[in-house]
Amino acid sequence: MSITPIGPRVLIKPYKQEEKTKGGIYIPESAKEKKKQGDVISVGTFEDGKPLPLKAGDKVIYGGYSQEEVEFDKEDYIIVEFKNIVAKFD
């Protein structure tokens, strides 16, 4: 079974947060800054059916506050609207 977003949305596996600093100090949950980077798992389409300019495996930076958190096969994912994808990087 797989998840495919409907409409102009992207399913992303966000990168894990660091648990401690390089010096060995543990970071409490309240002090962690959320990284908004991740790997694209699957993509939807534009309203007219055209494919989005992303593919599975792309690394992206995303923004926005309206993201849907999803747990699937004991893994955490997020679904964001395509307009909130800020950049693609290597």
PDB file of N, CA and C in Angstrom:
ATOM      1  N   MET A   1       0.851  -1.180   0.000  1.00  0.00           N
ATOM      2  CA  MET A   1       0.000   0.000   0.000  1.00  0.00           C
ATOM      3  C   MET A   1       0.889   1.232   0.000  1.00  0.00           C
ATOM      4  N   SER A   2       0.471   2.268  -0.720  1.00  0.00           N
ATOM      5  CA  SER A   2       1.239   3.507  -0.782  1.00  0.00           C
ATOM      6  C   SER A   2       0.296   4.700  -0.651  1.00  0.00           C
ATOM      7  N   ILE A   3       0.884   5.864  -0.419  1.00  0.00           N
ATOM      8  CA  ILE A   3       0.112   7.101  -0.297  1.00  0.00           C
ATOM      9  C   ILE A   3       0.427   7.967  -1.507  1.00  0.00           C
ATOM     10  N   THR A   4      -0.599   8.437  -2.202  1.00  0.00           N
ATOM     11  CA  THR A   4      -0.442   9.372  -3.311  1.00  0.00           C
ATOM     12  C   THR A   4      -1.285  10.602  -3.011  1.00  0.00           C
ATOM     13  N   PRO A   5      -0.662  11.780  -2.905  1.00  0.00           N
ATOM     14  CA  PRO A   5      -1.429  12.987  -2.640  1.00  0.00           C
ATOM     15  C   PRO A   5      -2.394  13.307  -3.786  1.00  0.00           C
ATOM     16  N   ILE A   6      -3.528  13.904  -3.451  1.00  0.00           N
ATOM     17  CA  ILE A   6      -4.515  14.315  -4.445  1.00  0.00           C
ATOM     18  C   ILE A   6      -4.394  15.823  -4.637  1.00  0.00           C
ATOM     19  N   GLY A   7      -4.384  16.249  -5.891  1.00  0.00           N
ATOM     20  CA  GLY A   7      -4.238  17.674  -6.189  1.00  0.00           C
ATOM     21  C   GLY A   7      -2.779  18.103  -6.091  1.00  0.00           C
ATOM     22  N   PRO A   8      -2.540  19.413  -6.044  1.00  0.00           N
ATOM     23  CA  PRO A   8      -1.158  19.924  -6.028  1.00  0.00           C
ATOM     24  C   PRO A   8      -0.527  19.826  -4.633  1.00  0.00           C
ATOM     25  N   ARG A   9      -0.311  18.594  -4.189  1.00  0.00           N
ATOM     26  CA  ARG A   9       0.284  18.350  -2.874  1.00  0.00           C
ATOM     27  C   ARG A   9       1.457  17.381  -3.022  1.00  0.00           C
ATOM     28  N   VAL A  10       2.345  17.414  -2.013  1.00  0.00           N
ATOM     29  CA  VAL A  10       3.556  16.609  -2.049  1.00  0.00           C
ATOM     30  C   VAL A  10       3.699  15.866  -0.719  1.00  0.00           C
ATOM     31  N   LEU A  11       3.981  14.566  -0.775  1.00  0.00           N
ATOM     32  CA  LEU A  11       4.245  13.766   0.419  1.00  0.00           C
ATOM     33  C   LEU A  11       5.747  13.781   0.663  1.00  0.00           C
ATOM     34  N   ILE A  12       6.154  14.213   1.872  1.00  0.00           N
ATOM     35  CA  ILE A  12       7.563  14.399   2.204  1.00  0.00           C
ATOM     36  C   ILE A  12       7.912  13.607   3.460  1.00  0.00           C
ATOM     37  N   LYS A  13       9.085  12.993   3.461  1.00  0.00           N
ATOM     38  CA  LYS A  13       9.656  12.378   4.664  1.00  0.00           C
ATOM     39  C   LYS A  13      10.633  13.396   5.232  1.00  0.00           C
ATOM     40  N   PRO A  14      10.242  14.095   6.328  1.00  0.00           N
ATOM     41  CA  PRO A  14      11.128  15.131   6.874  1.00  0.00           C
ATOM     42  C   PRO A  14      12.392  14.530   7.476  1.00  0.00           C
ATOM     43  N   TYR A  15      13.480  15.320   7.459  1.00  0.00           N
ATOM     44  CA  TYR A  15      14.728  14.876   8.057  1.00  0.00           C
ATOM     45  C   TYR A  15      14.590  14.846   9.569  1.00  0.00           C
ATOM     46  N   LYS A  16      15.275  13.910  10.198  1.00  0.00           N
ATOM     47  CA  LYS A  16      15.248  13.757  11.654  1.00  0.00           C
ATOM     48  C   LYS A  16      15.928  14.946  12.330  1.00  0.00           C
ATOM     49  N   GLN A  17      15.430  15.285  13.512  1.00  0.00           N
ATOM     50  CA  GLN A  17      16.022  16.348  14.313  1.00  0.00           C
ATOM     51  C   GLN A  17      17.209  15.796  15.094  1.00  0.00           C
ATOM     52  N   GLU A  18      18.214  16.627  15.300  1.00  0.00           N
ATOM     53  CA  GLU A  18      19.360  16.227  16.105  1.00  0.00           C
ATOM     54  C   GLU A  18      18.947  16.121  17.565  1.00  0.00           C
ATOM     55  N   GLU A  19      19.364  15.048  18.228  1.00  0.00           N
ATOM     56  CA  GLU A  19      19.044  14.839  19.639  1.00  0.00           C
ATOM     57  C   GLU A  19      20.025  15.553  20.551  1.00  0.00           C
ATOM     58  N   LYS A  20      21.277  15.719  20.069  1.00  0.00           N
ATOM     59  CA  LYS A  20      22.263  16.411  20.891  1.00  0.00           C
ATOM     60  C   LYS A  20      23.212  17.190  19.992  1.00  0.00           C
ATOM     61  N   THR A  21      23.910  18.136  20.591  1.00  0.00           N
ATOM     62  CA  THR A  21      24.850  18.972  19.844  1.00  0.00           C
ATOM     63  C   THR A  21      26.141  18.206  19.593  1.00  0.00           C
ATOM     64  N   LYS A  22      27.024  18.772  18.787  1.00  0.00           N
ATOM     65  CA  LYS A  22      28.306  18.136  18.515  1.00  0.00           C
ATOM     66  C   LYS A  22      29.137  17.990  19.785  1.00  0.00           C
ATOM     67  N   GLY A  23      28.906  18.885  20.749  1.00  0.00           N
ATOM     68  CA  GLY A  23      29.625  18.826  22.018  1.00  0.00           C
ATOM     69  C   GLY A  23      29.041  17.829  23.001  1.00  0.00           C
ATOM     70  N   GLY A  24      27.933  17.166  22.649  1.00  0.00           N
ATOM     71  CA  GLY A  24      27.361  16.144  23.502  1.00  0.00           C
ATOM     72  C   GLY A  24      26.231  16.608  24.401  1.00  0.00           C
ATOM     73  N   ILE A  25      25.765  17.844  24.240  1.00  0.00           N
ATOM     74  CA  ILE A  25      24.674  18.366  25.064  1.00  0.00           C
ATOM     75  C   ILE A  25      23.349  17.972  24.428  1.00  0.00           C
ATOM     76  N   TYR A  26      22.467  17.350  25.229  1.00  0.00           N
ATOM     77  CA  TYR A  26      21.156  16.950  24.725  1.00  0.00           C
ATOM     78  C   TYR A  26      20.243  18.162  24.598  1.00  0.00           C
ATOM     79  N   ILE A  27      19.491  18.217  23.508  1.00  0.00           N
ATOM     80  CA  ILE A  27      18.596  19.327  23.215  1.00  0.00           C
ATOM     81  C   ILE A  27      17.175  18.938  23.618  1.00  0.00           C
ATOM     82  N   PRO A  28      16.528  19.716  24.517  1.00  0.00           N
ATOM     83  CA  PRO A  28      15.143  19.396  24.881  1.00  0.00           C
ATOM     84  C   PRO A  28      14.190  19.693  23.720  1.00  0.00           C
ATOM     85  N   GLU A  29      13.041  18.997  23.679  1.00  0.00           N
ATOM     86  CA  GLU A  29      12.048  19.178  22.608  1.00  0.00           C
ATOM     87  C   GLU A  29      11.662  20.632  22.434  1.00  0.00           C
ATOM     88  N   SER A  30      11.517  21.370  23.543  1.00  0.00           N
ATOM     89  CA  SER A  30      11.056  22.757  23.471  1.00  0.00           C
ATOM     90  C   SER A  30      12.074  23.680  22.815  1.00  0.00           C
ATOM     91  N   ALA A  31      13.336  23.274  22.778  1.00  0.00           N
ATOM     92  CA  ALA A  31      14.380  24.131  22.210  1.00  0.00           C
ATOM     93  C   ALA A  31      14.763  23.746  20.786  1.00  0.00           C
ATOM     94  N   LYS A  32      14.226  22.642  20.289  1.00  0.00           N
ATOM     95  CA  LYS A  32      14.585  22.204  18.939  1.00  0.00           C
ATOM     96  C   LYS A  32      13.934  23.098  17.895  1.00  0.00           C
ATOM     97  N   GLU A  33      14.741  23.467  16.919  1.00  0.00           N
ATOM     98  CA  GLU A  33      14.223  24.229  15.785  1.00  0.00           C
ATOM     99  C   GLU A  33      13.895  23.240  14.687  1.00  0.00           C
ATOM    100  N   LYS A  34      12.665  23.305  14.201  1.00  0.00           N
ATOM    101  CA  LYS A  34      12.227  22.364  13.166  1.00  0.00           C
ATOM    102  C   LYS A  34      12.920  22.668  11.851  1.00  0.00           C
ATOM    103  N   LYS A  35      13.621  21.666  11.315  1.00  0.00           N
ATOM    104  CA  LYS A  35      14.201  21.808   9.983  1.00  0.00           C
ATOM    105  C   LYS A  35      13.081  21.572   8.996  1.00  0.00           C
ATOM    106  N   LYS A  36      12.997  22.371   8.009  1.00  0.00           N
ATOM    107  CA  LYS A  36      11.948  22.210   7.009  1.00  0.00           C
ATOM    108  C   LYS A  36      12.573  21.709   5.719  1.00  0.00           C
ATOM    109  N   GLN A  37      13.189  20.535   5.842  1.00  0.00           N
ATOM    110  CA  GLN A  37      13.811  19.879   4.706  1.00  0.00           C
ATOM    111  C   GLN A  37      13.407  18.413   4.731  1.00  0.00           C
ATOM    112  N   GLY A  38      13.351  17.810   3.554  1.00  0.00           N
ATOM    113  CA  GLY A  38      13.010  16.398   3.510  1.00  0.00           C
ATOM    114  C   GLY A  38      13.107  15.833   2.111  1.00  0.00           C
ATOM    115  N   ASP A  39      12.805  14.550   2.012  1.00  0.00           N
ATOM    116  CA  ASP A  39      12.825  13.836   0.741  1.00  0.00           C
ATOM    117  C   ASP A  39      11.402  13.658   0.230  1.00  0.00           C
ATOM    118  N   VAL A  40      11.206  13.893  -1.059  1.00  0.00           N
ATOM    119  CA  VAL A  40       9.897  13.692  -1.684  1.00  0.00           C
ATOM    120  C   VAL A  40       9.654  12.192  -1.821  1.00  0.00           C
ATOM    121  N   ILE A  41       8.490  11.754  -1.366  1.00  0.00           N
ATOM    122  CA  ILE A  41       8.106  10.353  -1.467  1.00  0.00           C
ATOM    123  C   ILE A  41       7.157  10.155  -2.650  1.00  0.00           C
ATOM    124  N   SER A  42       6.156  11.019  -2.775  1.00  0.00           N
ATOM    125  CA  SER A  42       5.247  10.967  -3.922  1.00  0.00           C
ATOM    126  C   SER A  42       4.624  12.342  -4.128  1.00  0.00           C
ATOM    127  N   VAL A  43       4.102  12.556  -5.336  1.00  0.00           N
ATOM    128  CA  VAL A  43       3.530  13.857  -5.689  1.00  0.00           C
ATOM    129  C   VAL A  43       2.169  13.673  -6.350  1.00  0.00           C
ATOM    130  N   GLY A  44       1.338  14.695  -6.216  1.00  0.00           N
ATOM    131  CA  GLY A  44       0.045  14.715  -6.893  1.00  0.00           C
ATOM    132  C   GLY A  44       0.197  15.390  -8.245  1.00  0.00           C
ATOM    133  N   THR A  45      -0.886  15.998  -8.727  1.00  0.00           N
ATOM    134  CA  THR A  45      -0.875  16.704 -10.007  1.00  0.00           C
ATOM    135  C   THR A  45      -1.527  18.069  -9.844  1.00  0.00           C
ATOM    136  N   PHE A  46      -1.293  18.948 -10.816  1.00  0.00           N
ATOM    137  CA  PHE A  46      -2.003  20.218 -10.848  1.00  0.00           C
ATOM    138  C   PHE A  46      -3.484  19.936 -11.081  1.00  0.00           C
ATOM    139  N   GLU A  47      -4.322  20.950 -10.858  1.00  0.00           N
ATOM    140  CA  GLU A  47      -5.768  20.787 -11.029  1.00  0.00           C
ATOM    141  C   GLU A  47      -6.145  20.330 -12.443  1.00  0.00           C
ATOM    142  N   ASP A  48      -5.360  20.737 -13.445  1.00  0.00           N
ATOM    143  CA  ASP A  48      -5.665  20.358 -14.827  1.00  0.00           C
ATOM    144  C   ASP A  48      -5.077  18.997 -15.218  1.00  0.00           C
ATOM    145  N   GLY A  49      -4.475  18.286 -14.247  1.00  0.00           N
ATOM    146  CA  GLY A  49      -3.933  16.959 -14.505  1.00  0.00           C
ATOM    147  C   GLY A  49      -2.470  16.921 -14.900  1.00  0.00           C
ATOM    148  N   LYS A  50      -1.840  18.078 -15.101  1.00  0.00           N
ATOM    149  CA  LYS A  50      -0.422  18.108 -15.458  1.00  0.00           C
ATOM    150  C   LYS A  50       0.422  17.709 -14.248  1.00  0.00           C
ATOM    151  N   PRO A  51       1.547  17.019 -14.481  1.00  0.00           N
ATOM    152  CA  PRO A  51       2.388  16.591 -13.357  1.00  0.00           C
ATOM    153  C   PRO A  51       3.122  17.768 -12.709  1.00  0.00           C
ATOM    154  N   LEU A  52       3.358  17.656 -11.413  1.00  0.00           N
ATOM    155  CA  LEU A  52       4.151  18.655 -10.706  1.00  0.00           C
ATOM    156  C   LEU A  52       5.615  18.480 -11.099  1.00  0.00           C
ATOM    157  N   PRO A  53       6.425  19.557 -11.048  1.00  0.00           N
ATOM    158  CA  PRO A  53       7.832  19.454 -11.460  1.00  0.00           C
ATOM    159  C   PRO A  53       8.731  18.849 -10.374  1.00  0.00           C
ATOM    160  N   LEU A  54       8.237  17.856  -9.663  1.00  0.00           N
ATOM    161  CA  LEU A  54       9.010  17.129  -8.651  1.00  0.00           C
ATOM    162  C   LEU A  54       8.812  15.640  -8.886  1.00  0.00           C
ATOM    163  N   LYS A  55       9.738  14.850  -8.346  1.00  0.00           N
ATOM    164  CA  LYS A  55       9.594  13.406  -8.449  1.00  0.00           C
ATOM    165  C   LYS A  55      10.084  12.777  -7.146  1.00  0.00           C
ATOM    166  N   ALA A  56       9.720  11.540  -6.929  1.00  0.00           N
ATOM    167  CA  ALA A  56      10.163  10.819  -5.740  1.00  0.00           C
ATOM    168  C   ALA A  56      11.686  10.810  -5.686  1.00  0.00           C
ATOM    169  N   GLY A  57      12.223  11.078  -4.506  1.00  0.00           N
ATOM    170  CA  GLY A  57      13.672  11.102  -4.327  1.00  0.00           C
ATOM    171  C   GLY A  57      14.269  12.501  -4.320  1.00  0.00           C
ATOM    172  N   ASP A  58      13.535  13.510  -4.814  1.00  0.00           N
ATOM    173  CA  ASP A  58      14.037  14.883  -4.779  1.00  0.00           C
ATOM    174  C   ASP A  58      14.165  15.349  -3.339  1.00  0.00           C
ATOM    175  N   LYS A  59      15.169  16.176  -3.072  1.00  0.00           N
ATOM    176  CA  LYS A  59      15.358  16.777  -1.760  1.00  0.00           C
ATOM    177  C   LYS A  59      14.816  18.199  -1.835  1.00  0.00           C
ATOM    178  N   VAL A  60      13.944  18.572  -0.881  1.00  0.00           N
ATOM    179  CA  VAL A  60      13.297  19.875  -0.949  1.00  0.00           C
ATOM    180  C   VAL A  60      13.371  20.617   0.382  1.00  0.00           C
ATOM    181  N   ILE A  61      13.216  21.921   0.284  1.00  0.00           N
ATOM    182  CA  ILE A  61      13.025  22.802   1.430  1.00  0.00           C
ATOM    183  C   ILE A  61      11.602  23.309   1.313  1.00  0.00           C
ATOM    184  N   TYR A  62      10.856  23.233   2.395  1.00  0.00           N
ATOM    185  CA  TYR A  62       9.462  23.645   2.360  1.00  0.00           C
ATOM    186  C   TYR A  62       9.178  24.645   3.465  1.00  0.00           C
ATOM    187  N   GLY A  63       8.123  25.417   3.287  1.00  0.00           N
ATOM    188  CA  GLY A  63       7.717  26.405   4.270  1.00  0.00           C
ATOM    189  C   GLY A  63       6.241  26.241   4.566  1.00  0.00           C
ATOM    190  N   GLY A  64       5.662  27.286   5.126  1.00  0.00           N
ATOM    191  CA  GLY A  64       4.233  27.273   5.400  1.00  0.00           C
ATOM    192  C   GLY A  64       3.899  26.620   6.722  1.00  0.00           C
ATOM    193  N   TYR A  65       2.667  26.830   7.135  1.00  0.00           N
ATOM    194  CA  TYR A  65       2.206  26.297   8.412  1.00  0.00           C
ATOM    195  C   TYR A  65       1.070  25.296   8.240  1.00  0.00           C
ATOM    196  N   SER A  66       0.528  25.177   7.053  1.00  0.00           N
ATOM    197  CA  SER A  66      -0.618  24.289   6.833  1.00  0.00           C
ATOM    198  C   SER A  66      -0.149  22.964   6.241  1.00  0.00           C
ATOM    199  N   GLN A  67       0.506  22.162   7.057  1.00  0.00           N
ATOM    200  CA  GLN A  67       0.946  20.850   6.610  1.00  0.00           C
ATOM    201  C   GLN A  67       0.234  19.789   7.425  1.00  0.00           C
ATOM    202  N   GLU A  68      -0.013  18.681   6.800  1.00  0.00           N
ATOM    203  CA  GLU A  68      -0.717  17.577   7.434  1.00  0.00           C
ATOM    204  C   GLU A  68       0.300  16.510   7.818  1.00  0.00           C
ATOM    205  N   GLU A  69       0.360  16.172   9.105  1.00  0.00           N
ATOM    206  CA  GLU A  69       1.278  15.134   9.561  1.00  0.00           C
ATOM    207  C   GLU A  69       0.591  13.781   9.468  1.00  0.00           C
ATOM    208  N   VAL A  70       1.317  12.784   8.943  1.00  0.00           N
ATOM    209  CA  VAL A  70       0.766  11.456   8.704  1.00  0.00           C
ATOM    210  C   VAL A  70       1.749  10.414   9.218  1.00  0.00           C
ATOM    211  N   GLU A  71       1.239   9.356   9.868  1.00  0.00           N
ATOM    212  CA  GLU A  71       2.082   8.229  10.238  1.00  0.00           C
ATOM    213  C   GLU A  71       1.649   7.040   9.392  1.00  0.00           C
ATOM    214  N   PHE A  72       2.615   6.401   8.737  1.00  0.00           N
ATOM    215  CA  PHE A  72       2.334   5.281   7.838  1.00  0.00           C
ATOM    216  C   PHE A  72       3.447   4.260   8.013  1.00  0.00           C
ATOM    217  N   ASP A  73       3.108   3.031   8.308  1.00  0.00           N
ATOM    218  CA  ASP A  73       4.094   1.971   8.554  1.00  0.00           C
ATOM    219  C   ASP A  73       5.124   2.395   9.605  1.00  0.00           C
ATOM    220  N   LYS A  74       4.658   3.020  10.661  1.00  0.00           N
ATOM    221  CA  LYS A  74       5.483   3.474  11.798  1.00  0.00           C
ATOM    222  C   LYS A  74       6.523   4.511  11.406  1.00  0.00           C
ATOM    223  N   GLU A  75       6.316   5.198  10.301  1.00  0.00           N
ATOM    224  CA  GLU A  75       7.185   6.291   9.848  1.00  0.00           C
ATOM    225  C   GLU A  75       6.363   7.566   9.798  1.00  0.00           C
ATOM    226  N   ASP A  76       6.998   8.707  10.092  1.00  0.00           N
ATOM    227  CA  ASP A  76       6.314   9.997  10.055  1.00  0.00           C
ATOM    228  C   ASP A  76       6.547  10.682   8.717  1.00  0.00           C
ATOM    229  N   TYR A  77       5.472  11.203   8.153  1.00  0.00           N
ATOM    230  CA  TYR A  77       5.505  11.932   6.888  1.00  0.00           C
ATOM    231  C   TYR A  77       4.684  13.203   7.050  1.00  0.00           C
ATOM    232  N   ILE A  78       4.855  14.116   6.097  1.00  0.00           N
ATOM    233  CA  ILE A  78       3.986  15.293   6.039  1.00  0.00           C
ATOM    234  C   ILE A  78       3.495  15.465   4.612  1.00  0.00           C
ATOM    235  N   ILE A  79       2.318  16.053   4.488  1.00  0.00           N
ATOM    236  CA  ILE A  79       1.781  16.410   3.178  1.00  0.00           C
ATOM    237  C   ILE A  79       1.689  17.922   3.140  1.00  0.00           C
ATOM    238  N   VAL A  80       2.358  18.547   2.164  1.00  0.00           N
ATOM    239  CA  VAL A  80       2.337  19.999   2.020  1.00  0.00           C
ATOM    240  C   VAL A  80       1.807  20.360   0.638  1.00  0.00           C
ATOM    241  N   GLU A  81       1.265  21.541   0.540  1.00  0.00           N
ATOM    242  CA  GLU A  81       0.820  22.024  -0.768  1.00  0.00           C
ATOM    243  C   GLU A  81       2.046  22.386  -1.600  1.00  0.00           C
ATOM    244  N   PHE A  82       1.945  22.180  -2.897  1.00  0.00           N
ATOM    245  CA  PHE A  82       3.071  22.453  -3.796  1.00  0.00           C
ATOM    246  C   PHE A  82       3.542  23.898  -3.681  1.00  0.00           C
ATOM    247  N   LYS A  83       2.616  24.829  -3.471  1.00  0.00           N
ATOM    248  CA  LYS A  83       2.999  26.247  -3.383  1.00  0.00           C
ATOM    249  C   LYS A  83       3.923  26.527  -2.186  1.00  0.00           C
ATOM    250  N   ASN A  84       3.966  25.611  -1.207  1.00  0.00           N
ATOM    251  CA  ASN A  84       4.826  25.788  -0.042  1.00  0.00           C
ATOM    252  C   ASN A  84       6.214  25.168  -0.214  1.00  0.00           C
ATOM    253  N   ILE A  85       6.480  24.543  -1.358  1.00  0.00           N
ATOM    254  CA  ILE A  85       7.824  24.043  -1.651  1.00  0.00           C
ATOM    255  C   ILE A  85       8.653  25.235  -2.083  1.00  0.00           C
ATOM    256  N   VAL A  86       9.700  25.520  -1.323  1.00  0.00           N
ATOM    257  CA  VAL A  86      10.519  26.712  -1.559  1.00  0.00           C
ATOM    258  C   VAL A  86      11.641  26.441  -2.550  1.00  0.00           C
ATOM    259  N   ALA A  87      12.300  25.277  -2.418  1.00  0.00           N
ATOM    260  CA  ALA A  87      13.438  24.975  -3.274  1.00  0.00           C
ATOM    261  C   ALA A  87      13.684  23.483  -3.350  1.00  0.00           C
ATOM    262  N   LYS A  88      14.404  23.090  -4.391  1.00  0.00           N
ATOM    263  CA  LYS A  88      14.870  21.716  -4.569  1.00  0.00           C
ATOM    264  C   LYS A  88      16.378  21.788  -4.542  1.00  0.00           C
ATOM    265  N   PHE A  89      17.027  20.851  -3.849  1.00  0.00           N
ATOM    266  CA  PHE A  89      18.495  20.889  -3.791  1.00  0.00           C
ATOM    267  C   PHE A  89      19.093  19.514  -3.951  1.00  0.00           C
ATOM    268  N   ASP A  90      20.420  19.464  -4.187  1.00  0.00           N
ATOM    269  CA  ASP A  90      21.149  18.193  -4.366  1.00  0.00           C
ATOM    270  C   ASP A  90      21.962  17.884  -3.148  1.00  0.00           C
TER     271      ASP A  90
END
